[in-house]
PDB file of N, CA and C in Angstrom:
ATOM      1  N   MET A   1     134.309  66.090  76.623  1.00  0.00           N
ATOM      2  CA  MET A   1     134.438  65.152  77.709  1.00  0.00           C
ATOM      3  C   MET A   1     133.067  64.926  78.325  1.00  0.00           C
ATOM      4  N   GLY A   2     132.709  63.662  78.673  1.00  0.00           N
ATOM      5  CA  GLY A   2     131.405  63.308  79.211  1.00  0.00           C
ATOM      6  C   GLY A   2     131.260  63.716  80.667  1.00  0.00           C
ATOM      7  N   ARG A   3     130.076  63.441  81.195  1.00  0.00           N
ATOM      8  CA  ARG A   3     129.825  63.747  82.594  1.00  0.00           C
ATOM      9  C   ARG A   3     130.672  62.866  83.488  1.00  0.00           C
ATOM     10  N   GLN A   4     131.097  63.431  84.588  1.00  0.00           N
ATOM     11  CA  GLN A   4     131.907  62.680  85.540  1.00  0.00           C
ATOM     12  C   GLN A   4     131.012  61.668  86.254  1.00  0.00           C
ATOM     13  N   LYS A   5     131.520  60.482  86.493  1.00  0.00           N
ATOM     14  CA  LYS A   5     130.747  59.424  87.132  1.00  0.00           C
ATOM     15  C   LYS A   5     130.558  59.724  88.616  1.00  0.00           C
ATOM     16  N   LEU A   6     129.377  59.351  89.116  1.00  0.00           N
ATOM     17  CA  LEU A   6     129.103  59.516  90.536  1.00  0.00           C
ATOM     18  C   LEU A   6     129.963  58.552  91.353  1.00  0.00           C
ATOM     19  N   ILE A   7     130.024  57.319  90.888  1.00  0.00           N
ATOM     20  CA  ILE A   7     130.879  56.328  91.543  1.00  0.00           C
ATOM     21  C   ILE A   7     131.929  55.904  90.517  1.00  0.00           C
ATOM     22  N   ASP A   8     133.176  56.146  90.839  1.00  0.00           N
ATOM     23  CA  ASP A   8     134.279  55.820  89.937  1.00  0.00           C
ATOM     24  C   ASP A   8     135.206  54.851  90.656  1.00  0.00           C
ATOM     25  N   GLY A   9     135.006  53.569  90.401  1.00  0.00           N
ATOM     26  CA  GLY A   9     135.810  52.577  91.091  1.00  0.00           C
ATOM     27  C   GLY A   9     135.417  52.512  92.555  1.00  0.00           C
ATOM     28  N   ASP A  10     136.371  52.789  93.419  1.00  0.00           N
ATOM     29  CA  ASP A  10     136.122  52.737  94.856  1.00  0.00           C
ATOM     30  C   ASP A  10     135.783  54.102  95.444  1.00  0.00           C
ATOM     31  N   THR A  11     135.774  55.165  94.643  1.00  0.00           N
ATOM     32  CA  THR A  11     135.526  56.500  95.179  1.00  0.00           C
ATOM     33  C   THR A  11     134.117  56.960  94.832  1.00  0.00           C
ATOM     34  N   LEU A  12     133.571  57.751  95.701  1.00  0.00           N
ATOM     35  CA  LEU A  12     132.223  58.279  95.535  1.00  0.00           C
ATOM     36  C   LEU A  12     132.302  59.800  95.587  1.00  0.00           C
ATOM     37  N   ASP A  13     131.703  60.444  94.615  1.00  0.00           N
ATOM     38  CA  ASP A  13     131.696  61.915  94.585  1.00  0.00           C
ATOM     39  C   ASP A  13     130.593  62.398  95.536  1.00  0.00           C
ATOM     40  N   TRP A  14     130.965  62.626  96.819  1.00  0.00           N
ATOM     41  CA  TRP A  14     129.989  62.995  97.843  1.00  0.00           C
ATOM     42  C   TRP A  14     129.335  64.341  97.568  1.00  0.00           C
ATOM     43  N   VAL A  15     130.074  65.266  97.036  1.00  0.00           N
ATOM     44  CA  VAL A  15     129.521  66.595  96.755  1.00  0.00           C
ATOM     45  C   VAL A  15     128.406  66.478  95.714  1.00  0.00           C
ATOM     46  N   ARG A  16     128.688  65.732  94.667  1.00  0.00           N
ATOM     47  CA  ARG A  16     127.680  65.560  93.609  1.00  0.00           C
ATOM     48  C   ARG A  16     126.481  64.778  94.138  1.00  0.00           C
ATOM     49  N   LEU A  17     126.743  63.753  94.947  1.00  0.00           N
ATOM     50  CA  LEU A  17     125.656  62.972  95.532  1.00  0.00           C
ATOM     51  C   LEU A  17     124.762  63.858  96.401  1.00  0.00           C
ATOM     52  N   MET A  18     125.346  64.712  97.230  1.00  0.00           N
ATOM     53  CA  MET A  18     124.561  65.608  98.087  1.00  0.00           C
ATOM     54  C   MET A  18     123.786  66.623  97.247  1.00  0.00           C
ATOM     55  N   ASP A  19     124.391  67.087  96.166  1.00  0.00           N
ATOM     56  CA  ASP A  19     123.673  67.996  95.261  1.00  0.00           C
ATOM     57  C   ASP A  19     122.444  67.316  94.678  1.00  0.00           C
ATOM     58  N   ILE A  20     122.586  66.044  94.271  1.00  0.00           N
ATOM     59  CA  ILE A  20     121.456  65.297  93.704  1.00  0.00           C
ATOM     60  C   ILE A  20     120.372  65.111  94.758  1.00  0.00           C
ATOM     61  N   VAL A  21     120.765  64.720  95.970  1.00  0.00           N
ATOM     62  CA  VAL A  21     119.798  64.497  97.045  1.00  0.00           C
ATOM     63  C   VAL A  21     119.072  65.793  97.388  1.00  0.00           C
ATOM     64  N   LEU A  22     119.799  66.887  97.532  1.00  0.00           N
ATOM     65  CA  LEU A  22     119.171  68.175  97.861  1.00  0.00           C
ATOM     66  C   LEU A  22     118.233  68.638  96.756  1.00  0.00           C
ATOM     67  N   GLU A  23     118.601  68.413  95.519  1.00  0.00           N
ATOM     68  CA  GLU A  23     117.739  68.789  94.395  1.00  0.00           C
ATOM     69  C   GLU A  23     116.441  67.986  94.427  1.00  0.00           C
ATOM     70  N   ARG A  24     116.540  66.681  94.715  1.00  0.00           N
ATOM     71  CA  ARG A  24     115.332  65.839  94.803  1.00  0.00           C
ATOM     72  C   ARG A  24     114.438  66.288  95.958  1.00  0.00           C
ATOM     73  N   PHE A  25     115.048  66.616  97.105  1.00  0.00           N
ATOM     74  CA  PHE A  25     114.271  67.123  98.233  1.00  0.00           C
ATOM     75  C   PHE A  25     113.604  68.446  97.874  1.00  0.00           C
ATOM     76  N   ASN A  26     114.293  69.287  97.136  1.00  0.00           N
ATOM     77  CA  ASN A  26     113.730  70.569  96.717  1.00  0.00           C
ATOM     78  C   ASN A  26     112.520  70.346  95.814  1.00  0.00           C
ATOM     79  N   VAL A  27     112.647  69.431  94.855  1.00  0.00           N
ATOM     80  CA  VAL A  27     111.528  69.135  93.946  1.00  0.00           C
ATOM     81  C   VAL A  27     110.361  68.556  94.729  1.00  0.00           C
ATOM     82  N   LEU A  28     110.636  67.596  95.608  1.00  0.00           N
ATOM     83  CA  LEU A  28     109.586  66.976  96.408  1.00  0.00           C
ATOM     84  C   LEU A  28     108.904  68.007  97.305  1.00  0.00           C
ATOM     85  N   GLY A  29     109.701  68.848  97.958  1.00  0.00           N
ATOM     86  CA  GLY A  29     109.136  69.882  98.817  1.00  0.00           C
ATOM     87  C   GLY A  29     108.267  70.858  98.050  1.00  0.00           C
ATOM     88  N   SER A  30     108.698  71.240  96.871  1.00  0.00           N
ATOM     89  CA  SER A  30     107.902  72.156  96.044  1.00  0.00           C
ATOM     90  C   SER A  30     106.595  71.508  95.627  1.00  0.00           C
ATOM     91  N   GLU A  31     106.651  70.232  95.254  1.00  0.00           N
ATOM     92  CA  GLU A  31     105.420  69.537  94.859  1.00  0.00           C
ATOM     93  C   GLU A  31     104.445  69.453  96.023  1.00  0.00           C
ATOM     94  N   ILE A  32     104.965  69.217  97.220  1.00  0.00           N
ATOM     95  CA  ILE A  32     104.091  69.118  98.395  1.00  0.00           C
ATOM     96  C   ILE A  32     103.509  70.485  98.752  1.00  0.00           C
ATOM     97  N   LEU A  33     104.334  71.518  98.711  1.00  0.00           N
ATOM     98  CA  LEU A  33     103.856  72.856  99.080  1.00  0.00           C
ATOM     99  C   LEU A  33     102.819  73.392  98.111  1.00  0.00           C
ATOM    100  N   LEU A  34     102.910  73.000  96.856  1.00  0.00           N
ATOM    101  CA  LEU A  34     101.997  73.527  95.849  1.00  0.00           C
ATOM    102  C   LEU A  34     100.753  72.670  95.654  1.00  0.00           C
ATOM    103  N   ASN A  35     100.681  71.519  96.318  1.00  0.00           N
ATOM    104  CA  ASN A  35      99.545  70.621  96.124  1.00  0.00           C
ATOM    105  C   ASN A  35      98.922  70.282  97.478  1.00  0.00           C
ATOM    106  N   PRO A  36      97.744  70.851  97.794  1.00  0.00           N
ATOM    107  CA  PRO A  36      97.101  70.595  99.092  1.00  0.00           C
ATOM    108  C   PRO A  36      96.795  69.117  99.329  1.00  0.00           C
ATOM    109  N   GLU A  37      96.522  68.356  98.261  1.00  0.00           N
ATOM    110  CA  GLU A  37      96.245  66.926  98.439  1.00  0.00           C
ATOM    111  C   GLU A  37      97.481  66.179  98.937  1.00  0.00           C
ATOM    112  N   LYS A  38      98.657  66.615  98.515  1.00  0.00           N
ATOM    113  CA  LYS A  38      99.887  65.986  98.985  1.00  0.00           C
ATOM    114  C   LYS A  38     100.285  66.500 100.366  1.00  0.00           C
ATOM    115  N   GLN A  39      99.787  67.677 100.754  1.00  0.00           N
ATOM    116  CA  GLN A  39     100.117  68.235 102.063  1.00  0.00           C
ATOM    117  C   GLN A  39      99.415  67.487 103.187  1.00  0.00           C
ATOM    118  N   ALA A  40      98.197  67.046 102.933  1.00  0.00           N
ATOM    119  CA  ALA A  40      97.370  66.450 103.984  1.00  0.00           C
ATOM    120  C   ALA A  40      98.046  65.265 104.682  1.00  0.00           C
ATOM    121  N   PRO A  41      98.602  64.284 103.960  1.00  0.00           N
ATOM    122  CA  PRO A  41      99.241  63.168 104.686  1.00  0.00           C
ATOM    123  C   PRO A  41     100.422  63.605 105.550  1.00  0.00           C
ATOM    124  N   PHE A  42     101.197  64.566 105.062  1.00  0.00           N
ATOM    125  CA  PHE A  42     102.341  65.049 105.838  1.00  0.00           C
ATOM    126  C   PHE A  42     101.868  65.798 107.076  1.00  0.00           C
ATOM    127  N   GLU A  43     100.819  66.594 106.936  1.00  0.00           N
ATOM    128  CA  GLU A  43     100.283  67.318 108.088  1.00  0.00           C
ATOM    129  C   GLU A  43      99.779  66.339 109.143  1.00  0.00           C
ATOM    130  N   ARG A  44      99.028  65.323 108.695  1.00  0.00           N
ATOM    131  CA  ARG A  44      98.529  64.324 109.644  1.00  0.00           C
ATOM    132  C   ARG A  44      99.686  63.616 110.344  1.00  0.00           C
ATOM    133  N   PHE A  45     100.707  63.238 109.575  1.00  0.00           N
ATOM    134  CA  PHE A  45     101.862  62.549 110.138  1.00  0.00           C
ATOM    135  C   PHE A  45     102.527  63.402 111.219  1.00  0.00           C
ATOM    136  N   PHE A  46     102.808  64.668 110.896  1.00  0.00           N
ATOM    137  CA  PHE A  46     103.498  65.527 111.853  1.00  0.00           C
ATOM    138  C   PHE A  46     102.621  65.872 113.050  1.00  0.00           C
ATOM    139  N   LEU A  47     101.323  66.043 112.817  1.00  0.00           N
ATOM    140  CA  LEU A  47     100.427  66.316 113.943  1.00  0.00           C
ATOM    141  C   LEU A  47     100.361  65.131 114.895  1.00  0.00           C
ATOM    142  N   LEU A  48     100.244  63.924 114.333  1.00  0.00           N
ATOM    143  CA  LEU A  48     100.194  62.742 115.192  1.00  0.00           C
ATOM    144  C   LEU A  48     101.508  62.536 115.937  1.00  0.00           C
ATOM    145  N   ARG A  49     102.618  62.830 115.287  1.00  0.00           N
ATOM    146  CA  ARG A  49     103.922  62.679 115.938  1.00  0.00           C
ATOM    147  C   ARG A  49     104.162  63.764 116.982  1.00  0.00           C
ATOM    148  N   SER A  50     103.494  64.898 116.864  1.00  0.00           N
ATOM    149  CA  SER A  50     103.723  65.990 117.815  1.00  0.00           C
ATOM    150  C   SER A  50     102.870  65.864 119.076  1.00  0.00           C
ATOM    151  N   ILE A  51     101.881  64.981 119.084  1.00  0.00           N
ATOM    152  CA  ILE A  51     101.002  64.856 120.254  1.00  0.00           C
ATOM    153  C   ILE A  51     101.778  64.536 121.530  1.00  0.00           C
ATOM    154  N   PRO A  52     102.685  63.540 121.523  1.00  0.00           N
ATOM    155  CA  PRO A  52     103.429  63.282 122.777  1.00  0.00           C
ATOM    156  C   PRO A  52     104.237  64.485 123.254  1.00  0.00           C
ATOM    157  N   TRP A  53     104.841  65.213 122.327  1.00  0.00           N
ATOM    158  CA  TRP A  53     105.629  66.399 122.720  1.00  0.00           C
ATOM    159  C   TRP A  53     104.721  67.474 123.293  1.00  0.00           C
ATOM    160  N   LEU A  54     103.571  67.656 122.668  1.00  0.00           N
ATOM    161  CA  LEU A  54     102.637  68.667 123.178  1.00  0.00           C
ATOM    162  C   LEU A  54     102.109  68.277 124.555  1.00  0.00           C
ATOM    163  N   GLN A  55     101.877  66.979 124.757  1.00  0.00           N
ATOM    164  CA  GLN A  55     101.416  66.533 126.073  1.00  0.00           C
ATOM    165  C   GLN A  55     102.485  66.755 127.137  1.00  0.00           C
ATOM    166  N   LYS A  56     103.753  66.632 126.756  1.00  0.00           N
ATOM    167  CA  LYS A  56     104.837  66.897 127.704  1.00  0.00           C
ATOM    168  C   LYS A  56     104.995  68.395 127.967  1.00  0.00           C
ATOM    169  N   LEU A  57     104.721  69.218 126.951  1.00  0.00           N
ATOM    170  CA  LEU A  57     104.860  70.666 127.104  1.00  0.00           C
ATOM    171  C   LEU A  57     103.674  71.293 127.828  1.00  0.00           C
ATOM    172  N   ASN A  58     102.531  70.640 127.796  1.00  0.00           N
ATOM    173  CA  ASN A  58     101.322  71.221 128.370  1.00  0.00           C
ATOM    174  C   ASN A  58     101.496  71.611 129.839  1.00  0.00           C
ATOM    175  N   PRO A  59     102.046  70.749 130.711  1.00  0.00           N
ATOM    176  CA  PRO A  59     102.244  71.172 132.111  1.00  0.00           C
ATOM    177  C   PRO A  59     103.198  72.360 132.232  1.00  0.00           C
ATOM    178  N   LEU A  60     104.218  72.394 131.391  1.00  0.00           N
ATOM    179  CA  LEU A  60     105.156  73.515 131.433  1.00  0.00           C
ATOM    180  C   LEU A  60     104.456  74.818 131.051  1.00  0.00           C
ATOM    181  N   ILE A  61     103.660  74.764 129.999  1.00  0.00           N
ATOM    182  CA  ILE A  61     102.927  75.959 129.553  1.00  0.00           C
ATOM    183  C   ILE A  61     101.943  76.396 130.636  1.00  0.00           C
ATOM    184  N   ASP A  62     101.234  75.422 131.230  1.00  0.00           N
ATOM    185  CA  ASP A  62     100.305  75.751 132.316  1.00  0.00           C
ATOM    186  C   ASP A  62     101.018  76.441 133.466  1.00  0.00           C
ATOM    187  N   ARG A  63     102.184  75.917 133.828  1.00  0.00           N
ATOM    188  CA  ARG A  63     102.935  76.489 134.948  1.00  0.00           C
ATOM    189  C   ARG A  63     103.399  77.907 134.633  1.00  0.00           C
ATOM    190  N   VAL A  64     103.929  78.121 133.432  1.00  0.00           N
ATOM    191  CA  VAL A  64     104.433  79.445 133.055  1.00  0.00           C
ATOM    192  C   VAL A  64     103.297  80.463 133.013  1.00  0.00           C
ATOM    193  N   VAL A  65     102.173  80.078 132.409  1.00  0.00           N
ATOM    194  CA  VAL A  65     101.028  80.997 132.336  1.00  0.00           C
ATOM    195  C   VAL A  65     100.500  81.283 133.736  1.00  0.00           C
ATOM    196  N   GLY A  66     100.406  80.238 134.555  1.00  0.00           N
ATOM    197  CA  GLY A  66      99.942  80.433 135.931  1.00  0.00           C
ATOM    198  C   GLY A  66     100.844  81.376 136.711  1.00  0.00           C
ATOM    199  N   GLU A  67     102.169  81.196 136.566  1.00  0.00           N
ATOM    200  CA  GLU A  67     103.115  82.083 137.263  1.00  0.00           C
ATOM    201  C   GLU A  67     102.970  83.525 136.784  1.00  0.00           C
ATOM    202  N   GLU A  68     102.812  83.698 135.490  1.00  0.00           N
ATOM    203  CA  GLU A  68     102.688  85.055 134.949  1.00  0.00           C
ATOM    204  C   GLU A  68     101.405  85.720 135.424  1.00  0.00           C
ATOM    205  N   LEU A  69     100.293  84.989 135.379  1.00  0.00           N
ATOM    206  CA  LEU A  69      99.019  85.572 135.799  1.00  0.00           C
ATOM    207  C   LEU A  69      98.967  85.813 137.303  1.00  0.00           C
ATOM    208  N   SER A  70      99.704  85.021 138.082  1.00  0.00           N
ATOM    209  CA  SER A  70      99.675  85.207 139.535  1.00  0.00           C
ATOM    210  C   SER A  70     100.360  86.505 139.957  1.00  0.00           C
ATOM    211  N   ARG A  71     101.104  87.122 139.064  1.00  0.00           N
ATOM    212  CA  ARG A  71     101.757  88.400 139.378  1.00  0.00           C
ATOM    213  C   ARG A  71     100.756  89.563 139.429  1.00  0.00           C
ATOM    214  N   TYR A  72      99.578  89.346 138.858  1.00  0.00           N
ATOM    215  CA  TYR A  72      98.566  90.399 138.806  1.00  0.00           C
ATOM    216  C   TYR A  72      97.456  90.112 139.807  1.00  0.00           C
ATOM    217  N   SER A  73      96.931  91.177 140.372  1.00  0.00           N
ATOM    218  CA  SER A  73      95.773  91.026 141.257  1.00  0.00           C
ATOM    219  C   SER A  73      94.522  90.884 140.384  1.00  0.00           C
ATOM    220  N   PRO A  74      93.427  90.363 140.956  1.00  0.00           N
ATOM    221  CA  PRO A  74      92.189  90.256 140.169  1.00  0.00           C
ATOM    222  C   PRO A  74      91.726  91.610 139.616  1.00  0.00           C
ATOM    223  N   ASP A  75      91.927  92.678 140.380  1.00  0.00           N
ATOM    224  CA  ASP A  75      91.529  94.009 139.899  1.00  0.00           C
ATOM    225  C   ASP A  75      92.372  94.440 138.697  1.00  0.00           C
ATOM    226  N   GLU A  76      93.687  94.135 138.744  1.00  0.00           N
ATOM    227  CA  GLU A  76      94.552  94.499 137.618  1.00  0.00           C
ATOM    228  C   GLU A  76      94.163  93.726 136.356  1.00  0.00           C
ATOM    229  N   ILE A  77      93.869  92.445 136.510  1.00  0.00           N
ATOM    230  CA  ILE A  77      93.458  91.646 135.354  1.00  0.00           C
ATOM    231  C   ILE A  77      92.146  92.171 134.785  1.00  0.00           C
ATOM    232  N   THR A  78      91.201  92.504 135.662  1.00  0.00           N
ATOM    233  CA  THR A  78      89.923  93.070 135.217  1.00  0.00           C
ATOM    234  C   THR A  78      90.146  94.373 134.466  1.00  0.00           C
ATOM    235  N   HIS A  79      91.015  95.223 134.981  1.00  0.00           N
ATOM    236  CA  HIS A  79      91.313  96.501 134.335  1.00  0.00           C
ATOM    237  C   HIS A  79      91.940  96.283 132.947  1.00  0.00           C
ATOM    238  N   ILE A  80      92.868  95.342 132.841  1.00  0.00           N
ATOM    239  CA  ILE A  80      93.517  95.058 131.552  1.00  0.00           C
ATOM    240  C   ILE A  80      92.493  94.555 130.539  1.00  0.00           C
ATOM    241  N   ILE A  81      91.640  93.613 130.972  1.00  0.00           N
ATOM    242  CA  ILE A  81      90.648  93.043 130.049  1.00  0.00           C
ATOM    243  C   ILE A  81      89.648  94.104 129.620  1.00  0.00           C
ATOM    244  N   ARG A  82      89.187  94.919 130.562  1.00  0.00           N
ATOM    245  CA  ARG A  82      88.230  95.969 130.195  1.00  0.00           C
ATOM    246  C   ARG A  82      88.862  96.974 129.239  1.00  0.00           C
ATOM    247  N   GLY A  83      90.136  97.307 129.462  1.00  0.00           N
ATOM    248  CA  GLY A  83      90.817  98.238 128.556  1.00  0.00           C
ATOM    249  C   GLY A  83      90.920  97.684 127.155  1.00  0.00           C
ATOM    250  N   LYS A  84      91.259  96.401 127.040  1.00  0.00           N
ATOM    251  CA  LYS A  84      91.351  95.765 125.714  1.00  0.00           C
ATOM    252  C   LYS A  84      89.989  95.689 125.053  1.00  0.00           C
ATOM    253  N   MET A  85      88.968  95.341 125.830  1.00  0.00           N
ATOM    254  CA  MET A  85      87.623  95.242 125.260  1.00  0.00           C
ATOM    255  C   MET A  85      87.137  96.612 124.800  1.00  0.00           C
ATOM    256  N   TYR A  86      87.410  97.637 125.577  1.00  0.00           N
ATOM    257  CA  TYR A  86      86.987  98.987 125.210  1.00  0.00           C
ATOM    258  C   TYR A  86      87.627  99.390 123.884  1.00  0.00           C
ATOM    259  N   TYR A  87      88.927  99.152 123.762  1.00  0.00           N
ATOM    260  CA  TYR A  87      89.638  99.505 122.527  1.00  0.00           C
ATOM    261  C   TYR A  87      89.064  98.722 121.346  1.00  0.00           C
ATOM    262  N   ASP A  88      88.872  97.408 121.522  1.00  0.00           N
ATOM    263  CA  ASP A  88      88.341  96.583 120.432  1.00  0.00           C
ATOM    264  C   ASP A  88      86.945  97.045 120.026  1.00  0.00           C
ATOM    265  N   LEU A  89      86.100  97.357 121.008  1.00  0.00           N
ATOM    266  CA  LEU A  89      84.749  97.823 120.688  1.00  0.00           C
ATOM    267  C   LEU A  89      84.777  99.177 119.983  1.00  0.00           C
ATOM    268  N   GLN A  90      85.705 100.039 120.374  1.00  0.00           N
ATOM    269  CA  GLN A  90      85.838 101.328 119.690  1.00  0.00           C
ATOM    270  C   GLN A  90      86.214 101.111 118.219  1.00  0.00           C
ATOM    271  N   MET A  91      87.129 100.175 117.963  1.00  0.00           N
ATOM    272  CA  MET A  91      87.532  99.895 116.584  1.00  0.00           C
ATOM    273  C   MET A  91      86.357  99.351 115.773  1.00  0.00           C
ATOM    274  N   VAL A  92      85.512  98.523 116.413  1.00  0.00           N
ATOM    275  CA  VAL A  92      84.325  98.004 115.726  1.00  0.00           C
ATOM    276  C   VAL A  92      83.377  99.146 115.399  1.00  0.00           C
ATOM    277  N   ARG A  93      83.199 100.058 116.334  1.00  0.00           N
ATOM    278  CA  ARG A  93      82.308 101.206 116.090  1.00  0.00           C
ATOM    279  C   ARG A  93      82.839 102.095 114.972  1.00  0.00           C
ATOM    280  N   ILE A  94      84.133 102.376 115.009  1.00  0.00           N
ATOM    281  CA  ILE A  94      84.728 103.222 113.967  1.00  0.00           C
ATOM    282  C   ILE A  94      84.607 102.538 112.612  1.00  0.00           C
ATOM    283  N   ASN A  95      84.905 101.240 112.577  1.00  0.00           N
ATOM    284  CA  ASN A  95      84.808 100.500 111.336  1.00  0.00           C
ATOM    285  C   ASN A  95      83.372 100.546 110.805  1.00  0.00           C
ATOM    286  N   GLY A  96      82.409 100.324 111.683  1.00  0.00           N
ATOM    287  CA  GLY A  96      81.010 100.368 111.262  1.00  0.00           C
ATOM    288  C   GLY A  96      80.603 101.753 110.786  1.00  0.00           C
ATOM    289  N   SER A  97      81.137 102.793 111.419  1.00  0.00           N
ATOM    290  CA  SER A  97      80.811 104.163 111.028  1.00  0.00           C
ATOM    291  C   SER A  97      81.364 104.494 109.647  1.00  0.00           C
ATOM    292  N   LEU A  98      82.484 103.902 109.285  1.00  0.00           N
ATOM    293  CA  LEU A  98      83.081 104.182 107.979  1.00  0.00           C
ATOM    294  C   LEU A  98      82.547 103.266 106.885  1.00  0.00           C
ATOM    295  N   VAL A  99      82.448 101.981 107.197  1.00  0.00           N
ATOM    296  CA  VAL A  99      82.057 101.009 106.170  1.00  0.00           C
ATOM    297  C   VAL A  99      80.561 101.062 105.908  1.00  0.00           C
ATOM    298  N   GLY A 100      79.769 101.230 106.960  1.00  0.00           N
ATOM    299  CA  GLY A 100      78.312 101.233 106.790  1.00  0.00           C
ATOM    300  C   GLY A 100      77.823 102.275 105.793  1.00  0.00           C
ATOM    301  N   PRO A 101      78.124 103.564 106.016  1.00  0.00           N
ATOM    302  CA  PRO A 101      77.651 104.579 105.063  1.00  0.00           C
ATOM    303  C   PRO A 101      78.238 104.396 103.655  1.00  0.00           C
ATOM    304  N   SER A 102      79.517 103.966 103.564  1.00  0.00           N
ATOM    305  CA  SER A 102      80.094 103.798 102.227  1.00  0.00           C
ATOM    306  C   SER A 102      79.412 102.661 101.474  1.00  0.00           C
ATOM    307  N   SER A 103      79.162 101.548 102.169  1.00  0.00           N
ATOM    308  CA  SER A 103      78.505 100.443 101.469  1.00  0.00           C
ATOM    309  C   SER A 103      77.056 100.799 101.149  1.00  0.00           C
ATOM    310  N   ALA A 104      76.395 101.550 102.032  1.00  0.00           N
ATOM    311  CA  ALA A 104      75.024 101.983 101.738  1.00  0.00           C
ATOM    312  C   ALA A 104      75.005 102.927 100.543  1.00  0.00           C
ATOM    313  N   GLY A 105      75.985 103.826 100.496  1.00  0.00           N
ATOM    314  CA  GLY A 105      76.064 104.741  99.351  1.00  0.00           C
ATOM    315  C   GLY A 105      76.311 104.002  98.053  1.00  0.00           C
ATOM    316  N   CYS A 106      77.197 103.035  98.098  1.00  0.00           N
ATOM    317  CA  CYS A 106      77.487 102.250  96.882  1.00  0.00           C
ATOM    318  C   CYS A 106      76.281 101.421  96.465  1.00  0.00           C
ATOM    319  N   SER A 107      75.589 100.824  97.441  1.00  0.00           N
ATOM    320  CA  SER A 107      74.434  99.994  97.079  1.00  0.00           C
ATOM    321  C   SER A 107      73.280 100.840  96.569  1.00  0.00           C
ATOM    322  N   THR A 108      73.252 102.122  96.920  1.00  0.00           N
ATOM    323  CA  THR A 108      72.212 103.017  96.399  1.00  0.00           C
ATOM    324  C   THR A 108      72.640 103.611  95.051  1.00  0.00           C
ATOM    325  N   ALA A 109      73.899 104.004  94.958  1.00  0.00           N
ATOM    326  CA  ALA A 109      74.370 104.662  93.738  1.00  0.00           C
ATOM    327  C   ALA A 109      74.523 103.693  92.571  1.00  0.00           C
ATOM    328  N   LEU A 110      74.930 102.475  92.840  1.00  0.00           N
ATOM    329  CA  LEU A 110      75.164 101.514  91.765  1.00  0.00           C
ATOM    330  C   LEU A 110      73.890 101.188  90.996  1.00  0.00           C
ATOM    331  N   PRO A 111      72.800 100.832  91.668  1.00  0.00           N
ATOM    332  CA  PRO A 111      71.559 100.574  90.899  1.00  0.00           C
ATOM    333  C   PRO A 111      71.055 101.828  90.164  1.00  0.00           C
ATOM    334  N   SER A 112      71.220 103.009  90.799  1.00  0.00           N
ATOM    335  CA  SER A 112      70.774 104.243  90.153  1.00  0.00           C
ATOM    336  C   SER A 112      71.561 104.508  88.879  1.00  0.00           C
ATOM    337  N   SER A 113      72.870 104.265  88.937  1.00  0.00           N
ATOM    338  CA  SER A 113      73.709 104.525  87.749  1.00  0.00           C
ATOM    339  C   SER A 113      73.450 103.485  86.654  1.00  0.00           C
ATOM    340  N   LEU A 114      73.065 102.274  87.030  1.00  0.00           N
ATOM    341  CA  LEU A 114      72.784 101.250  86.031  1.00  0.00           C
ATOM    342  C   LEU A 114      71.449 101.512  85.329  1.00  0.00           C
ATOM    343  N   ARG A 115      70.504 102.119  86.033  1.00  0.00           N
ATOM    344  CA  ARG A 115      69.207 102.439  85.426  1.00  0.00           C
ATOM    345  C   ARG A 115      69.330 103.581  84.434  1.00  0.00           C
ATOM    346  N   GLY A 116      70.284 104.445  84.696  1.00  0.00           N
ATOM    347  CA  GLY A 116      70.514 105.522  83.738  1.00  0.00           C
ATOM    348  C   GLY A 116      70.045 106.815  84.166  1.00  0.00           C
TER     349      GLY A 116
END
């Protein structure tokens, strides 16, 4: 028996039609996701369309951030920022202490081992 017709007289096989449409969207989406050249027009389109929404959200975001920050005194904010900076700087120092000697050792040992 052959394939069932999508349109048979006055009836339409909606399930099959939706399967075909979803499959085409899946193929199109995969092609766009895997090809950066095809992504660019869609990104531009969505970015341009999102500008009005972002402009409407901007005052709301400003208000929420302002309300949240107003809960802290200037001294508390200073203390939080200094604590974060101290931690980040410590991580940079530790990273430098570990990576620096290892990379120096490798850059010294590699040429020595290649010379023989």
